[in-house]
Amino acid sequence: MPQSSFVMFDEEYREITAIVEKLLRETNSKCVYLVDKDGQLISSTGDTHNIDATSLASLTAGNIAATGGLAKLIGEKEFSILFHEGERDNIHISVVGSRIILVVIFDKRSSLGLVRLRVKKACEALNKSLNKLLTKMEVGVEAENLLKEITDEDIERLFT
């Protein structure tokens, strides 16, 4: 079943941005991205000017989808953490609340252990904000459905 797109509310966006910025500082990373599983960029911070964020978001979502297929082949639900090590830069990818993907790009100024520790705490905080956001989205859908049930006759009666 496809998941609906996020409707980002200002309060949750500020919370999410603060968490991502704090993670960047605490891990001494180059940059941090938050992406939904459809490949849409939600938030980014750090030295992002040399990275095509649209490509990064879609490729990260594709990476999660591909490794999800691998996980199913061996009887796992999914791999919630991925790590790619390069010559200069490393990428740590985490699935948060089965809906969003946290991407941390770091170099030798940080370590995998530090990143994993801080990402775990950030994921807990992001999950709380995500749950709050999803609750608001559900309330919004219910209100929208309620408005759809109001007829023209109901509106006319309000003004007569």
N, C-alpha and C. Protein backbone atom coordinates (compact mmCIF):
# COMPACT_ATOMS: atom_id res chain seq x y z
N MET A 1 0.84 -1.18 0.00
CA MET A 1 0.00 0.00 0.00
C MET A 1 0.89 1.24 0.00
N PRO A 2 0.70 2.16 -0.97
CA PRO A 2 1.52 3.35 -1.00
C PRO A 2 1.21 4.27 0.17
N GLN A 3 2.24 4.95 0.64
CA GLN A 3 2.08 5.86 1.75
C GLN A 3 1.79 7.25 1.20
N SER A 4 0.97 8.00 1.92
CA SER A 4 0.66 9.35 1.47
C SER A 4 1.86 10.26 1.71
N SER A 5 1.90 11.34 0.94
CA SER A 5 2.97 12.32 1.11
C SER A 5 2.79 13.04 2.44
N PHE A 6 3.89 13.59 2.92
CA PHE A 6 3.84 14.34 4.17
C PHE A 6 3.25 15.73 3.95
N VAL A 7 2.48 16.16 4.90
CA VAL A 7 2.06 17.55 4.98
C VAL A 7 2.82 18.09 6.18
N MET A 8 3.78 18.94 5.92
CA MET A 8 4.65 19.41 6.98
C MET A 8 4.05 20.65 7.64
N PHE A 9 3.87 20.56 8.95
CA PHE A 9 3.39 21.68 9.74
C PHE A 9 4.59 22.42 10.30
N ASP A 10 4.43 23.72 10.51
CA ASP A 10 5.54 24.57 10.92
C ASP A 10 6.21 24.10 12.21
N GLU A 11 5.42 23.74 13.20
CA GLU A 11 5.98 23.32 14.49
C GLU A 11 6.85 22.08 14.34
N GLU A 12 6.34 21.08 13.63
CA GLU A 12 7.11 19.84 13.45
C GLU A 12 8.32 20.08 12.55
N TYR A 13 8.18 20.96 11.55
CA TYR A 13 9.33 21.26 10.70
C TYR A 13 10.46 21.89 11.51
N ARG A 14 10.11 22.80 12.40
CA ARG A 14 11.13 23.42 13.26
C ARG A 14 11.78 22.38 14.17
N GLU A 15 10.97 21.49 14.74
CA GLU A 15 11.50 20.43 15.60
C GLU A 15 12.46 19.53 14.82
N ILE A 16 12.03 19.10 13.65
CA ILE A 16 12.83 18.20 12.83
C ILE A 16 14.13 18.89 12.41
N THR A 17 14.04 20.14 11.99
CA THR A 17 15.23 20.88 11.59
C THR A 17 16.21 21.02 12.75
N ALA A 18 15.69 21.30 13.95
CA ALA A 18 16.56 21.43 15.13
C ALA A 18 17.26 20.11 15.44
N ILE A 19 16.56 19.01 15.31
CA ILE A 19 17.16 17.68 15.58
C ILE A 19 18.27 17.40 14.58
N VAL A 20 18.01 17.68 13.31
CA VAL A 20 18.99 17.43 12.25
C VAL A 20 20.22 18.33 12.45
N GLU A 21 20.01 19.58 12.80
CA GLU A 21 21.14 20.49 13.03
C GLU A 21 21.96 20.07 14.25
N LYS A 22 21.28 19.63 15.30
CA LYS A 22 21.98 19.15 16.50
C LYS A 22 22.81 17.91 16.17
N LEU A 23 22.25 17.02 15.37
CA LEU A 23 22.98 15.81 14.96
C LEU A 23 24.23 16.18 14.17
N LEU A 24 24.12 17.14 13.29
CA LEU A 24 25.27 17.60 12.51
C LEU A 24 26.39 18.07 13.44
N ARG A 25 26.05 18.89 14.43
CA ARG A 25 27.05 19.41 15.37
C ARG A 25 27.66 18.30 16.22
N GLU A 26 26.79 17.44 16.77
CA GLU A 26 27.27 16.42 17.71
C GLU A 26 28.11 15.33 17.04
N THR A 27 27.92 15.11 15.76
CA THR A 27 28.70 14.08 15.07
C THR A 27 29.88 14.66 14.31
N ASN A 28 29.96 15.99 14.25
CA ASN A 28 31.01 16.66 13.48
C ASN A 28 30.99 16.15 12.03
N SER A 29 29.79 15.98 11.50
CA SER A 29 29.61 15.49 10.13
C SER A 29 29.68 16.63 9.13
N LYS A 30 29.79 16.26 7.87
CA LYS A 30 29.80 17.25 6.81
C LYS A 30 28.39 17.76 6.53
N CYS A 31 27.42 16.84 6.46
CA CYS A 31 26.04 17.23 6.21
C CYS A 31 25.09 16.10 6.62
N VAL A 32 23.84 16.49 6.81
CA VAL A 32 22.79 15.56 7.21
C VAL A 32 21.56 15.85 6.37
N TYR A 33 20.93 14.80 5.87
CA TYR A 33 19.72 14.91 5.06
C TYR A 33 18.63 14.06 5.69
N LEU A 34 17.41 14.52 5.52
CA LEU A 34 16.24 13.75 5.92
C LEU A 34 15.38 13.62 4.66
N VAL A 35 15.05 12.39 4.32
CA VAL A 35 14.38 12.08 3.06
C VAL A 35 13.19 11.17 3.36
N ASP A 36 12.09 11.31 2.61
CA ASP A 36 11.03 10.32 2.79
C ASP A 36 11.29 9.13 1.87
N LYS A 37 10.59 8.03 2.10
CA LYS A 37 10.86 6.81 1.35
C LYS A 37 10.46 6.91 -0.12
N ASP A 38 9.75 7.98 -0.47
CA ASP A 38 9.42 8.22 -1.88
C ASP A 38 10.54 8.98 -2.59
N GLY A 39 11.58 9.35 -1.85
CA GLY A 39 12.71 10.05 -2.45
C GLY A 39 12.59 11.56 -2.43
N GLN A 40 11.70 12.10 -1.61
CA GLN A 40 11.54 13.55 -1.50
C GLN A 40 12.37 14.08 -0.33
N LEU A 41 13.11 15.14 -0.57
CA LEU A 41 13.92 15.75 0.47
C LEU A 41 13.02 16.47 1.47
N ILE A 42 13.22 16.20 2.76
CA ILE A 42 12.45 16.86 3.82
C ILE A 42 13.27 17.98 4.44
N SER A 43 14.55 17.69 4.73
CA SER A 43 15.39 18.68 5.40
C SER A 43 16.85 18.36 5.10
N SER A 44 17.68 19.39 5.14
CA SER A 44 19.12 19.19 5.00
C SER A 44 19.85 20.29 5.74
N THR A 45 21.05 19.97 6.17
CA THR A 45 21.87 20.96 6.86
C THR A 45 23.34 20.60 6.68
N GLY A 46 24.19 21.58 6.85
CA GLY A 46 25.62 21.36 6.73
C GLY A 46 26.14 21.82 5.38
N ASP A 47 27.28 21.28 4.99
CA ASP A 47 27.95 21.65 3.75
C ASP A 47 27.31 20.88 2.58
N THR A 48 26.16 21.38 2.13
CA THR A 48 25.38 20.67 1.11
C THR A 48 25.54 21.25 -0.29
N HIS A 49 26.33 22.29 -0.45
CA HIS A 49 26.39 23.00 -1.74
C HIS A 49 26.99 22.17 -2.87
N ASN A 50 27.82 21.19 -2.60
CA ASN A 50 28.43 20.38 -3.67
C ASN A 50 27.68 19.09 -3.94
N ILE A 51 26.51 18.91 -3.34
CA ILE A 51 25.76 17.67 -3.48
C ILE A 51 24.41 17.98 -4.11
N ASP A 52 24.07 17.24 -5.14
CA ASP A 52 22.75 17.35 -5.77
C ASP A 52 21.74 16.66 -4.84
N ALA A 53 21.03 17.46 -4.08
CA ALA A 53 20.12 16.94 -3.06
C ALA A 53 18.99 16.10 -3.65
N THR A 54 18.51 16.47 -4.83
CA THR A 54 17.43 15.71 -5.46
C THR A 54 17.91 14.31 -5.82
N SER A 55 19.10 14.23 -6.40
CA SER A 55 19.67 12.92 -6.75
C SER A 55 19.97 12.10 -5.50
N LEU A 56 20.55 12.76 -4.49
CA LEU A 56 20.85 12.06 -3.25
C LEU A 56 19.58 11.47 -2.63
N ALA A 57 18.51 12.26 -2.59
CA ALA A 57 17.26 11.81 -2.00
C ALA A 57 16.69 10.61 -2.76
N SER A 58 16.64 10.70 -4.07
CA SER A 58 16.05 9.59 -4.84
C SER A 58 16.94 8.35 -4.81
N LEU A 59 18.24 8.52 -4.88
CA LEU A 59 19.14 7.36 -4.83
C LEU A 59 19.13 6.70 -3.45
N THR A 60 19.02 7.51 -2.41
CA THR A 60 18.93 6.95 -1.06
C THR A 60 17.66 6.12 -0.90
N ALA A 61 16.54 6.67 -1.37
CA ALA A 61 15.27 5.92 -1.30
C ALA A 61 15.38 4.62 -2.11
N GLY A 62 16.02 4.70 -3.27
CA GLY A 62 16.23 3.50 -4.08
C GLY A 62 17.12 2.49 -3.38
N ASN A 63 18.15 2.97 -2.70
CA ASN A 63 19.05 2.11 -1.94
C ASN A 63 18.29 1.37 -0.85
N ILE A 64 17.43 2.09 -0.13
CA ILE A 64 16.63 1.47 0.93
C ILE A 64 15.68 0.43 0.33
N ALA A 65 15.07 0.76 -0.79
CA ALA A 65 14.16 -0.18 -1.45
C ALA A 65 14.91 -1.44 -1.90
N ALA A 66 16.09 -1.26 -2.47
CA ALA A 66 16.87 -2.41 -2.94
C ALA A 66 17.32 -3.30 -1.79
N THR A 67 17.81 -2.68 -0.72
CA THR A 67 18.24 -3.50 0.41
C THR A 67 17.05 -4.12 1.13
N GLY A 68 15.87 -3.49 0.98
CA GLY A 68 14.65 -4.10 1.51
C GLY A 68 14.35 -5.41 0.81
N GLY A 69 14.61 -5.45 -0.50
CA GLY A 69 14.44 -6.68 -1.26
C GLY A 69 15.43 -7.74 -0.81
N LEU A 70 16.67 -7.34 -0.56
CA LEU A 70 17.67 -8.27 -0.05
C LEU A 70 17.28 -8.81 1.32
N ALA A 71 16.77 -7.92 2.17
CA ALA A 71 16.36 -8.33 3.52
C ALA A 71 15.27 -9.39 3.44
N LYS A 72 14.30 -9.18 2.57
CA LYS A 72 13.20 -10.15 2.43
C LYS A 72 13.71 -11.51 1.95
N LEU A 73 14.72 -11.49 1.10
CA LEU A 73 15.29 -12.75 0.60
C LEU A 73 15.86 -13.61 1.72
N ILE A 74 16.36 -12.97 2.77
CA ILE A 74 16.93 -13.75 3.87
C ILE A 74 16.01 -13.82 5.08
N GLY A 75 14.76 -13.34 4.90
CA GLY A 75 13.79 -13.46 5.97
C GLY A 75 13.72 -12.32 6.95
N GLU A 76 14.33 -11.19 6.61
CA GLU A 76 14.28 -10.00 7.46
C GLU A 76 13.20 -9.06 6.94
N LYS A 77 12.66 -8.23 7.83
CA LYS A 77 11.67 -7.23 7.41
C LYS A 77 12.36 -6.15 6.57
N GLU A 78 13.42 -5.59 7.12
CA GLU A 78 14.24 -4.61 6.40
C GLU A 78 15.56 -4.44 7.14
N PHE A 79 16.51 -3.82 6.49
CA PHE A 79 17.74 -3.41 7.16
C PHE A 79 17.55 -1.95 7.52
N SER A 80 17.51 -1.65 8.80
CA SER A 80 17.20 -0.28 9.22
C SER A 80 18.43 0.63 9.22
N ILE A 81 19.62 0.05 9.13
CA ILE A 81 20.85 0.85 9.10
C ILE A 81 21.74 0.34 7.97
N LEU A 82 22.25 1.29 7.18
CA LEU A 82 23.20 0.97 6.11
C LEU A 82 24.42 1.87 6.29
N PHE A 83 25.57 1.36 5.90
CA PHE A 83 26.79 2.15 6.00
C PHE A 83 27.61 1.93 4.74
N HIS A 84 28.06 3.02 4.13
CA HIS A 84 28.91 2.96 2.94
C HIS A 84 30.21 3.71 3.26
N GLU A 85 31.33 3.01 3.09
CA GLU A 85 32.63 3.61 3.40
C GLU A 85 33.35 3.94 2.10
N GLY A 86 33.78 5.19 1.99
CA GLY A 86 34.53 5.62 0.83
C GLY A 86 35.96 5.99 1.21
N GLU A 87 36.73 6.44 0.23
CA GLU A 87 38.12 6.84 0.49
C GLU A 87 38.17 8.09 1.37
N ARG A 88 37.30 9.06 1.07
CA ARG A 88 37.28 10.33 1.83
C ARG A 88 36.05 10.45 2.71
N ASP A 89 34.90 10.09 2.18
CA ASP A 89 33.64 10.30 2.88
C ASP A 89 32.91 8.99 3.12
N ASN A 90 32.09 8.99 4.16
CA ASN A 90 31.28 7.84 4.52
C ASN A 90 29.82 8.28 4.60
N ILE A 91 28.93 7.34 4.36
CA ILE A 91 27.50 7.62 4.45
C ILE A 91 26.86 6.63 5.41
N HIS A 92 26.18 7.17 6.40
CA HIS A 92 25.42 6.35 7.35
C HIS A 92 23.94 6.64 7.07
N ILE A 93 23.17 5.58 6.80
CA ILE A 93 21.76 5.72 6.44
C ILE A 93 20.93 4.94 7.45
N SER A 94 19.90 5.60 8.00
CA SER A 94 19.01 4.96 8.97
C SER A 94 17.56 5.18 8.57
N VAL A 95 16.75 4.15 8.73
CA VAL A 95 15.32 4.27 8.51
C VAL A 95 14.69 4.67 9.85
N VAL A 96 13.89 5.72 9.82
CA VAL A 96 13.26 6.24 11.03
C VAL A 96 11.74 6.03 10.92
N GLY A 97 11.18 5.27 11.86
CA GLY A 97 9.74 5.10 11.90
C GLY A 97 9.14 4.52 10.64
N SER A 98 9.89 3.77 9.88
CA SER A 98 9.48 3.11 8.63
C SER A 98 8.96 4.08 7.57
N ARG A 99 9.14 5.39 7.76
CA ARG A 99 8.64 6.37 6.80
C ARG A 99 9.70 7.31 6.25
N ILE A 100 10.73 7.60 7.06
CA ILE A 100 11.73 8.55 6.61
C ILE A 100 13.13 7.95 6.74
N ILE A 101 14.05 8.57 6.03
CA ILE A 101 15.44 8.09 5.97
C ILE A 101 16.35 9.22 6.41
N LEU A 102 17.22 8.91 7.35
CA LEU A 102 18.20 9.86 7.85
C LEU A 102 19.55 9.53 7.24
N VAL A 103 20.15 10.49 6.57
CA VAL A 103 21.43 10.29 5.88
C VAL A 103 22.47 11.21 6.51
N VAL A 104 23.56 10.63 6.99
CA VAL A 104 24.66 11.40 7.58
C VAL A 104 25.91 11.15 6.75
N ILE A 105 26.46 12.22 6.22
CA ILE A 105 27.71 12.12 5.45
C ILE A 105 28.82 12.70 6.31
N PHE A 106 29.85 11.88 6.54
CA PHE A 106 30.94 12.31 7.42
C PHE A 106 32.28 11.85 6.87
N ASP A 107 33.34 12.47 7.38
CA ASP A 107 34.69 12.12 6.94
C ASP A 107 35.53 11.75 8.16
N LYS A 108 36.85 11.85 8.03
CA LYS A 108 37.75 11.41 9.10
C LYS A 108 37.68 12.27 10.36
N ARG A 109 36.99 13.42 10.31
CA ARG A 109 36.84 14.25 11.51
C ARG A 109 35.88 13.61 12.52
N SER A 110 35.17 12.58 12.08
CA SER A 110 34.24 11.88 12.96
C SER A 110 34.53 10.39 12.89
N SER A 111 33.76 9.61 13.63
CA SER A 111 33.95 8.16 13.59
C SER A 111 32.59 7.47 13.47
N LEU A 112 32.60 6.27 12.95
CA LEU A 112 31.37 5.51 12.80
C LEU A 112 30.70 5.29 14.15
N GLY A 113 31.48 5.01 15.18
CA GLY A 113 30.91 4.79 16.51
C GLY A 113 30.16 6.00 17.03
N LEU A 114 30.76 7.18 16.88
CA LEU A 114 30.12 8.41 17.32
C LEU A 114 28.85 8.67 16.52
N VAL A 115 28.93 8.49 15.21
CA VAL A 115 27.77 8.70 14.35
C VAL A 115 26.63 7.75 14.74
N ARG A 116 26.94 6.49 14.92
CA ARG A 116 25.90 5.51 15.29
C ARG A 116 25.24 5.87 16.62
N LEU A 117 26.04 6.27 17.59
CA LEU A 117 25.52 6.64 18.91
C LEU A 117 24.58 7.85 18.81
N ARG A 118 25.02 8.89 18.13
CA ARG A 118 24.22 10.12 18.02
C ARG A 118 23.01 9.92 17.11
N VAL A 119 23.15 9.11 16.08
CA VAL A 119 22.02 8.84 15.18
C VAL A 119 20.91 8.10 15.94
N LYS A 120 21.30 7.19 16.81
CA LYS A 120 20.30 6.45 17.59
C LYS A 120 19.44 7.40 18.41
N LYS A 121 20.08 8.36 19.07
CA LYS A 121 19.33 9.35 19.86
C LYS A 121 18.50 10.26 18.97
N ALA A 122 19.06 10.67 17.85
CA ALA A 122 18.33 11.54 16.92
C ALA A 122 17.11 10.82 16.35
N CYS A 123 17.25 9.53 16.07
CA CYS A 123 16.13 8.75 15.53
C CYS A 123 14.98 8.69 16.53
N GLU A 124 15.28 8.57 17.81
CA GLU A 124 14.23 8.56 18.83
C GLU A 124 13.48 9.89 18.83
N ALA A 125 14.22 10.99 18.77
CA ALA A 125 13.59 12.31 18.75
C ALA A 125 12.81 12.53 17.45
N LEU A 126 13.38 12.11 16.33
CA LEU A 126 12.69 12.25 15.05
C LEU A 126 11.40 11.43 15.02
N ASN A 127 11.46 10.26 15.61
CA ASN A 127 10.29 9.39 15.64
C ASN A 127 9.14 10.05 16.42
N LYS A 128 9.46 10.73 17.53
CA LYS A 128 8.44 11.45 18.29
C LYS A 128 7.81 12.56 17.44
N SER A 129 8.66 13.33 16.76
CA SER A 129 8.15 14.40 15.91
C SER A 129 7.34 13.84 14.74
N LEU A 130 7.80 12.74 14.20
CA LEU A 130 7.10 12.10 13.08
C LEU A 130 5.72 11.62 13.52
N ASN A 131 5.64 11.01 14.70
CA ASN A 131 4.35 10.54 15.20
C ASN A 131 3.39 11.70 15.43
N LYS A 132 3.91 12.81 15.95
CA LYS A 132 3.10 14.01 16.15
C LYS A 132 2.59 14.53 14.80
N LEU A 133 3.47 14.53 13.82
CA LEU A 133 3.11 14.99 12.48
C LEU A 133 2.04 14.09 11.87
N LEU A 134 2.21 12.78 11.99
CA LEU A 134 1.24 11.85 11.42
C LEU A 134 -0.12 11.99 12.09
N THR A 135 -0.13 12.25 13.39
CA THR A 135 -1.39 12.47 14.10
C THR A 135 -2.09 13.72 13.57
N LYS A 136 -1.32 14.79 13.37
CA LYS A 136 -1.91 16.02 12.82
C LYS A 136 -2.43 15.79 11.40
N MET A 137 -1.71 14.99 10.62
CA MET A 137 -2.16 14.69 9.27
C MET A 137 -3.48 13.93 9.29
N GLU A 138 -3.61 12.97 10.20
CA GLU A 138 -4.86 12.20 10.32
C GLU A 138 -6.01 13.11 10.70
N VAL A 139 -5.79 14.02 11.65
CA VAL A 139 -6.83 14.96 12.05
C VAL A 139 -7.21 15.84 10.87
N GLY A 140 -6.24 16.26 10.09
CA GLY A 140 -6.50 17.08 8.90
C GLY A 140 -7.34 16.34 7.87
N VAL A 141 -7.07 15.06 7.67
CA VAL A 141 -7.84 14.25 6.72
C VAL A 141 -9.27 14.09 7.22
N GLU A 142 -9.42 13.86 8.53
CA GLU A 142 -10.77 13.74 9.09
C GLU A 142 -11.55 15.03 8.92
N ALA A 143 -10.91 16.17 9.14
CA ALA A 143 -11.58 17.46 8.97
C ALA A 143 -11.94 17.69 7.51
N GLU A 144 -11.04 17.30 6.61
CA GLU A 144 -11.30 17.44 5.19
C GLU A 144 -12.50 16.59 4.78
N ASN A 145 -12.57 15.36 5.29
CA ASN A 145 -13.70 14.49 4.98
C ASN A 145 -15.00 15.07 5.53
N LEU A 146 -14.92 15.67 6.71
CA LEU A 146 -16.11 16.29 7.30
C LEU A 146 -16.59 17.44 6.42
N LEU A 147 -15.65 18.24 5.91
CA LEU A 147 -16.03 19.34 5.03
C LEU A 147 -16.64 18.84 3.74
N LYS A 148 -16.20 17.71 3.23
CA LYS A 148 -16.76 17.15 2.01
C LYS A 148 -18.21 16.74 2.20
N GLU A 149 -18.61 16.43 3.44
CA GLU A 149 -19.97 16.00 3.72
C GLU A 149 -20.94 17.16 3.81
N ILE A 150 -20.46 18.38 3.92
CA ILE A 150 -21.32 19.55 3.98
C ILE A 150 -21.82 19.85 2.57
N THR A 151 -23.12 19.97 2.42
CA THR A 151 -23.71 20.21 1.11
C THR A 151 -23.96 21.70 0.91
N ASP A 152 -24.31 22.07 -0.31
CA ASP A 152 -24.66 23.45 -0.62
C ASP A 152 -25.89 23.89 0.19
N GLU A 153 -26.79 22.95 0.41
CA GLU A 153 -27.99 23.26 1.19
C GLU A 153 -27.61 23.60 2.63
N ASP A 154 -26.64 22.87 3.19
CA ASP A 154 -26.18 23.17 4.55
C ASP A 154 -25.59 24.57 4.63
N ILE A 155 -24.85 24.96 3.64
CA ILE A 155 -24.25 26.29 3.61
C ILE A 155 -25.33 27.35 3.49
N GLU A 156 -26.32 27.13 2.64
CA GLU A 156 -27.42 28.09 2.48
C GLU A 156 -28.17 28.29 3.79
N ARG A 157 -28.38 27.19 4.55
CA ARG A 157 -29.09 27.28 5.82
C ARG A 157 -28.29 28.11 6.83
N LEU A 158 -26.97 28.11 6.74
CA LEU A 158 -26.17 28.91 7.66
C LEU A 158 -26.40 30.41 7.48
N PHE A 159 -26.71 30.81 6.26
CA PHE A 159 -26.85 32.24 5.96
C PHE A 159 -28.30 32.70 5.86
N THR A 160 -29.26 31.85 6.16
CA THR A 160 -30.66 32.27 6.11
C THR A 160 -31.27 32.29 7.48
